[in-house]
N, C-alpha and C. Protein backbone atom coordinates (compact mmCIF):
# COMPACT_ATOMS: atom_id res chain seq x y z
N UNK A 1 -76.24 41.56 99.47
CA UNK A 1 -76.89 40.35 98.99
C UNK A 1 -75.87 39.45 98.31
N UNK A 2 -75.91 38.20 98.63
CA UNK A 2 -75.03 37.23 98.00
C UNK A 2 -75.66 36.76 96.68
N UNK A 3 -74.84 36.56 95.69
CA UNK A 3 -75.31 36.12 94.38
C UNK A 3 -75.93 34.72 94.48
N UNK A 4 -77.17 34.55 93.98
CA UNK A 4 -77.80 33.23 94.06
C UNK A 4 -77.17 32.25 93.08
N UNK A 5 -77.36 30.98 93.34
CA UNK A 5 -76.85 29.94 92.45
C UNK A 5 -77.58 29.98 91.11
N UNK A 6 -78.90 30.22 91.14
CA UNK A 6 -79.71 30.25 89.93
C UNK A 6 -80.52 31.54 89.86
N UNK A 7 -80.65 32.08 88.67
CA UNK A 7 -81.56 33.20 88.41
C UNK A 7 -82.50 32.72 87.33
N UNK A 8 -83.78 32.64 87.66
CA UNK A 8 -84.78 32.12 86.73
C UNK A 8 -85.64 33.28 86.23
N UNK A 9 -85.62 33.48 84.93
CA UNK A 9 -86.36 34.56 84.29
C UNK A 9 -87.61 33.99 83.64
N UNK A 10 -88.77 34.58 83.95
CA UNK A 10 -90.04 34.11 83.40
C UNK A 10 -90.64 35.21 82.53
N UNK A 11 -90.90 34.88 81.28
CA UNK A 11 -91.47 35.86 80.35
C UNK A 11 -92.87 36.27 80.80
N UNK A 12 -93.10 37.58 80.83
CA UNK A 12 -94.43 38.10 81.14
C UNK A 12 -94.95 38.99 80.02
N UNK A 13 -94.35 38.89 78.85
CA UNK A 13 -94.85 39.49 77.61
C UNK A 13 -94.84 41.01 77.55
N UNK A 14 -94.14 41.68 78.46
CA UNK A 14 -94.10 43.14 78.41
C UNK A 14 -93.28 43.58 77.21
N UNK A 15 -93.74 44.61 76.50
CA UNK A 15 -93.00 45.15 75.36
C UNK A 15 -92.89 46.66 75.50
N UNK A 16 -91.75 47.18 75.10
CA UNK A 16 -91.50 48.61 75.23
C UNK A 16 -92.29 49.43 74.22
N UNK A 17 -92.37 48.96 73.00
CA UNK A 17 -93.05 49.73 71.95
C UNK A 17 -94.11 48.88 71.29
N UNK A 18 -95.23 49.48 70.98
CA UNK A 18 -96.29 48.76 70.31
C UNK A 18 -97.13 47.94 71.26
N UNK A 19 -98.11 47.30 70.71
CA UNK A 19 -99.04 46.50 71.51
C UNK A 19 -98.40 45.18 71.90
N UNK A 20 -98.51 44.79 73.14
CA UNK A 20 -97.95 43.51 73.56
C UNK A 20 -98.75 42.35 72.97
N UNK A 21 -98.04 41.34 72.54
CA UNK A 21 -98.74 40.15 72.05
C UNK A 21 -99.36 39.40 73.22
N UNK A 22 -98.64 39.37 74.32
CA UNK A 22 -99.18 38.77 75.53
C UNK A 22 -99.31 37.27 75.52
N UNK A 23 -98.56 36.56 74.70
CA UNK A 23 -98.71 35.12 74.62
C UNK A 23 -98.38 34.45 75.95
N UNK A 24 -97.21 34.69 76.49
CA UNK A 24 -96.83 34.05 77.75
C UNK A 24 -97.77 34.46 78.88
N UNK A 25 -98.09 35.72 78.91
CA UNK A 25 -98.97 36.24 79.96
C UNK A 25 -100.36 35.62 79.87
N UNK A 26 -100.91 35.54 78.65
CA UNK A 26 -102.25 34.97 78.49
C UNK A 26 -102.26 33.46 78.70
N UNK A 27 -101.10 32.84 78.62
CA UNK A 27 -101.01 31.40 78.88
C UNK A 27 -100.65 31.11 80.34
N UNK A 28 -100.69 32.14 81.19
CA UNK A 28 -100.54 31.90 82.63
C UNK A 28 -99.17 32.03 83.22
N UNK A 29 -98.28 32.80 82.61
CA UNK A 29 -96.93 32.92 83.16
C UNK A 29 -96.93 33.54 84.56
N UNK A 30 -97.91 34.38 84.87
CA UNK A 30 -97.99 34.96 86.21
C UNK A 30 -98.19 33.91 87.28
N UNK A 31 -99.12 32.99 87.06
CA UNK A 31 -99.34 31.93 88.04
C UNK A 31 -98.18 30.94 88.06
N UNK A 32 -97.49 30.79 86.93
CA UNK A 32 -96.30 29.93 86.91
C UNK A 32 -95.22 30.47 87.83
N UNK A 33 -95.11 31.80 87.90
CA UNK A 33 -94.11 32.40 88.78
C UNK A 33 -94.40 32.04 90.23
N UNK A 34 -95.67 32.05 90.61
CA UNK A 34 -96.03 31.70 91.98
C UNK A 34 -95.71 30.23 92.26
N UNK A 35 -96.04 29.35 91.32
CA UNK A 35 -95.73 27.93 91.47
C UNK A 35 -94.23 27.72 91.59
N UNK A 36 -93.49 28.42 90.75
CA UNK A 36 -92.03 28.32 90.77
C UNK A 36 -91.45 28.77 92.10
N UNK A 37 -91.92 29.91 92.61
CA UNK A 37 -91.46 30.42 93.91
C UNK A 37 -91.74 29.41 95.02
N UNK A 38 -92.93 28.83 95.02
CA UNK A 38 -93.30 27.85 96.05
C UNK A 38 -92.42 26.61 95.98
N UNK A 39 -92.19 26.11 94.76
CA UNK A 39 -91.33 24.93 94.58
C UNK A 39 -89.90 25.20 95.03
N UNK A 40 -89.40 26.38 94.73
CA UNK A 40 -88.04 26.75 95.13
C UNK A 40 -87.92 26.77 96.64
N UNK A 41 -88.91 27.36 97.30
CA UNK A 41 -88.90 27.40 98.77
C UNK A 41 -89.01 26.00 99.36
N UNK A 42 -89.92 25.18 98.82
CA UNK A 42 -90.10 23.81 99.32
C UNK A 42 -88.83 22.98 99.19
N UNK A 43 -88.10 23.21 98.12
CA UNK A 43 -86.88 22.44 97.85
C UNK A 43 -85.64 23.03 98.51
N UNK A 44 -85.75 24.28 98.96
CA UNK A 44 -84.60 24.94 99.55
C UNK A 44 -83.53 25.32 98.53
N UNK A 45 -83.95 25.56 97.30
CA UNK A 45 -83.00 25.94 96.25
C UNK A 45 -82.55 27.39 96.44
N UNK A 46 -81.30 27.65 96.13
CA UNK A 46 -80.76 29.01 96.17
C UNK A 46 -81.01 29.65 94.82
N UNK A 47 -82.24 30.19 94.65
CA UNK A 47 -82.64 30.73 93.36
C UNK A 47 -83.49 31.98 93.54
N UNK A 48 -83.40 32.87 92.54
CA UNK A 48 -84.21 34.08 92.50
C UNK A 48 -85.03 34.01 91.21
N UNK A 49 -86.31 34.39 91.31
CA UNK A 49 -87.20 34.40 90.15
C UNK A 49 -87.52 35.84 89.79
N UNK A 50 -87.42 36.16 88.49
CA UNK A 50 -87.73 37.51 88.01
C UNK A 50 -88.66 37.45 86.81
N UNK A 51 -89.60 38.39 86.75
CA UNK A 51 -90.44 38.55 85.57
C UNK A 51 -89.66 39.36 84.55
N UNK A 52 -89.83 39.03 83.28
CA UNK A 52 -89.12 39.76 82.23
C UNK A 52 -90.10 40.30 81.21
N UNK A 53 -89.56 41.13 80.35
CA UNK A 53 -90.29 41.53 79.16
C UNK A 53 -90.33 40.36 78.20
N UNK A 54 -90.81 40.61 77.01
CA UNK A 54 -90.94 39.57 76.00
C UNK A 54 -89.58 38.95 75.68
N UNK A 55 -89.52 37.63 75.70
CA UNK A 55 -88.29 36.91 75.37
C UNK A 55 -88.24 36.54 73.89
N UNK A 56 -89.25 36.94 73.15
CA UNK A 56 -89.30 36.78 71.69
C UNK A 56 -89.34 35.32 71.23
N UNK A 57 -89.94 34.47 72.02
CA UNK A 57 -90.19 33.08 71.61
C UNK A 57 -91.68 32.78 71.82
N UNK A 58 -92.51 33.69 71.33
CA UNK A 58 -93.95 33.64 71.56
C UNK A 58 -94.59 32.32 71.13
N UNK A 59 -94.07 31.72 70.07
CA UNK A 59 -94.65 30.46 69.59
C UNK A 59 -94.37 29.30 70.54
N UNK A 60 -93.53 29.53 71.54
CA UNK A 60 -93.20 28.47 72.51
C UNK A 60 -93.52 28.86 73.94
N UNK A 61 -94.33 29.87 74.11
CA UNK A 61 -94.64 30.36 75.45
C UNK A 61 -95.62 29.49 76.19
N UNK A 62 -95.65 29.63 77.48
CA UNK A 62 -94.81 30.43 78.35
C UNK A 62 -93.35 29.95 78.34
N UNK A 63 -92.47 30.94 78.40
CA UNK A 63 -91.03 30.66 78.33
C UNK A 63 -90.33 31.10 79.60
N UNK A 64 -89.22 30.41 79.90
CA UNK A 64 -88.38 30.82 81.03
C UNK A 64 -86.93 30.45 80.72
N UNK A 65 -86.03 31.18 81.38
CA UNK A 65 -84.59 30.97 81.18
C UNK A 65 -83.93 30.79 82.54
N UNK A 66 -83.04 29.83 82.64
CA UNK A 66 -82.31 29.58 83.87
C UNK A 66 -80.86 29.99 83.66
N UNK A 67 -80.40 30.92 84.48
CA UNK A 67 -79.01 31.37 84.44
C UNK A 67 -78.32 30.96 85.73
N UNK A 68 -77.02 30.71 85.71
CA UNK A 68 -76.07 31.01 84.65
C UNK A 68 -75.96 29.91 83.59
N UNK A 69 -76.75 28.86 83.68
CA UNK A 69 -76.66 27.76 82.72
C UNK A 69 -77.14 28.13 81.32
N UNK A 70 -77.88 29.24 81.19
CA UNK A 70 -78.41 29.69 79.90
C UNK A 70 -79.30 28.62 79.26
N UNK A 71 -80.19 28.06 80.07
CA UNK A 71 -81.12 27.05 79.59
C UNK A 71 -82.46 27.73 79.29
N UNK A 72 -82.91 27.65 78.05
CA UNK A 72 -84.17 28.25 77.62
C UNK A 72 -85.23 27.15 77.53
N UNK A 73 -86.33 27.37 78.23
CA UNK A 73 -87.43 26.40 78.25
C UNK A 73 -88.70 27.01 77.68
N UNK A 74 -89.47 26.19 76.95
CA UNK A 74 -90.72 26.66 76.38
C UNK A 74 -91.87 25.73 76.72
N UNK A 75 -93.08 26.25 76.48
CA UNK A 75 -94.32 25.52 76.79
C UNK A 75 -94.33 25.06 78.25
N UNK A 76 -93.91 25.96 79.12
CA UNK A 76 -93.76 25.65 80.54
C UNK A 76 -95.14 25.65 81.22
N UNK A 77 -95.41 24.57 81.93
CA UNK A 77 -96.64 24.40 82.72
C UNK A 77 -96.23 24.13 84.16
N UNK A 78 -97.21 23.97 85.03
CA UNK A 78 -96.91 23.62 86.41
C UNK A 78 -96.16 22.30 86.51
N UNK A 79 -96.58 21.32 85.72
CA UNK A 79 -95.89 20.02 85.72
C UNK A 79 -94.47 20.16 85.17
N UNK A 80 -94.30 21.01 84.17
CA UNK A 80 -92.98 21.24 83.59
C UNK A 80 -92.03 21.82 84.63
N UNK A 81 -92.54 22.71 85.47
CA UNK A 81 -91.69 23.32 86.51
C UNK A 81 -91.12 22.25 87.42
N UNK A 82 -91.94 21.29 87.80
CA UNK A 82 -91.47 20.19 88.65
C UNK A 82 -90.35 19.43 87.96
N UNK A 83 -90.54 19.10 86.69
CA UNK A 83 -89.53 18.35 85.93
C UNK A 83 -88.26 19.17 85.73
N UNK A 84 -88.42 20.45 85.43
CA UNK A 84 -87.26 21.32 85.21
C UNK A 84 -86.45 21.47 86.48
N UNK A 85 -87.12 21.67 87.62
CA UNK A 85 -86.39 21.81 88.88
C UNK A 85 -85.76 20.49 89.31
N UNK A 86 -86.42 19.36 89.03
CA UNK A 86 -85.81 18.05 89.32
C UNK A 86 -84.49 17.92 88.55
N UNK A 87 -84.52 18.28 87.27
CA UNK A 87 -83.31 18.19 86.44
C UNK A 87 -82.24 19.16 86.93
N UNK A 88 -82.67 20.36 87.32
CA UNK A 88 -81.72 21.36 87.81
C UNK A 88 -81.01 20.84 89.06
N UNK A 89 -81.76 20.22 89.96
CA UNK A 89 -81.16 19.65 91.17
C UNK A 89 -80.20 18.50 90.84
N UNK A 90 -80.48 17.80 89.74
CA UNK A 90 -79.62 16.70 89.32
C UNK A 90 -78.41 17.20 88.52
N UNK A 91 -78.38 18.50 88.25
CA UNK A 91 -77.26 19.09 87.53
C UNK A 91 -77.30 18.89 86.03
N UNK A 92 -78.50 18.73 85.49
CA UNK A 92 -78.63 18.53 84.05
C UNK A 92 -79.83 19.29 83.50
N UNK A 93 -79.85 19.54 82.20
CA UNK A 93 -81.02 20.23 81.61
C UNK A 93 -82.19 19.27 81.49
N UNK A 94 -83.37 19.82 81.42
CA UNK A 94 -84.59 19.03 81.21
C UNK A 94 -84.89 19.09 79.71
N UNK A 95 -84.40 18.10 78.97
CA UNK A 95 -84.45 18.10 77.51
C UNK A 95 -85.87 18.21 76.96
N UNK A 96 -86.84 17.71 77.68
CA UNK A 96 -88.24 17.70 77.21
C UNK A 96 -88.76 19.10 76.90
N UNK A 97 -88.29 20.13 77.61
CA UNK A 97 -88.81 21.50 77.44
C UNK A 97 -87.77 22.47 76.88
N UNK A 98 -86.55 22.00 76.62
CA UNK A 98 -85.50 22.88 76.09
C UNK A 98 -85.87 23.43 74.72
N UNK A 99 -85.64 24.72 74.52
CA UNK A 99 -85.87 25.31 73.20
C UNK A 99 -84.59 25.92 72.64
N UNK A 100 -83.58 26.06 73.43
CA UNK A 100 -82.31 26.60 72.93
C UNK A 100 -81.18 26.15 73.81
């Protein structure tokens, strides 16, 4: 497998110990992953999407991270995905949703 240009991590609130808070998951991060996958395919982006455990930014969930740029995004919605991918294609961060 060739290394993709982008690796997008989407928080799914999994926790190793204790009860999961489930903020990102209860706010629809699962369906966001599907929207993200569809947008990536439609645009022909060289990207891989992965579900992650808790990213520890529950107050800003749903959250996602784009690597290798190390861009952290919060309060991600379907509309946000469009804006974030537009910015990614333009080679810049989407400041509206950046959290770190």
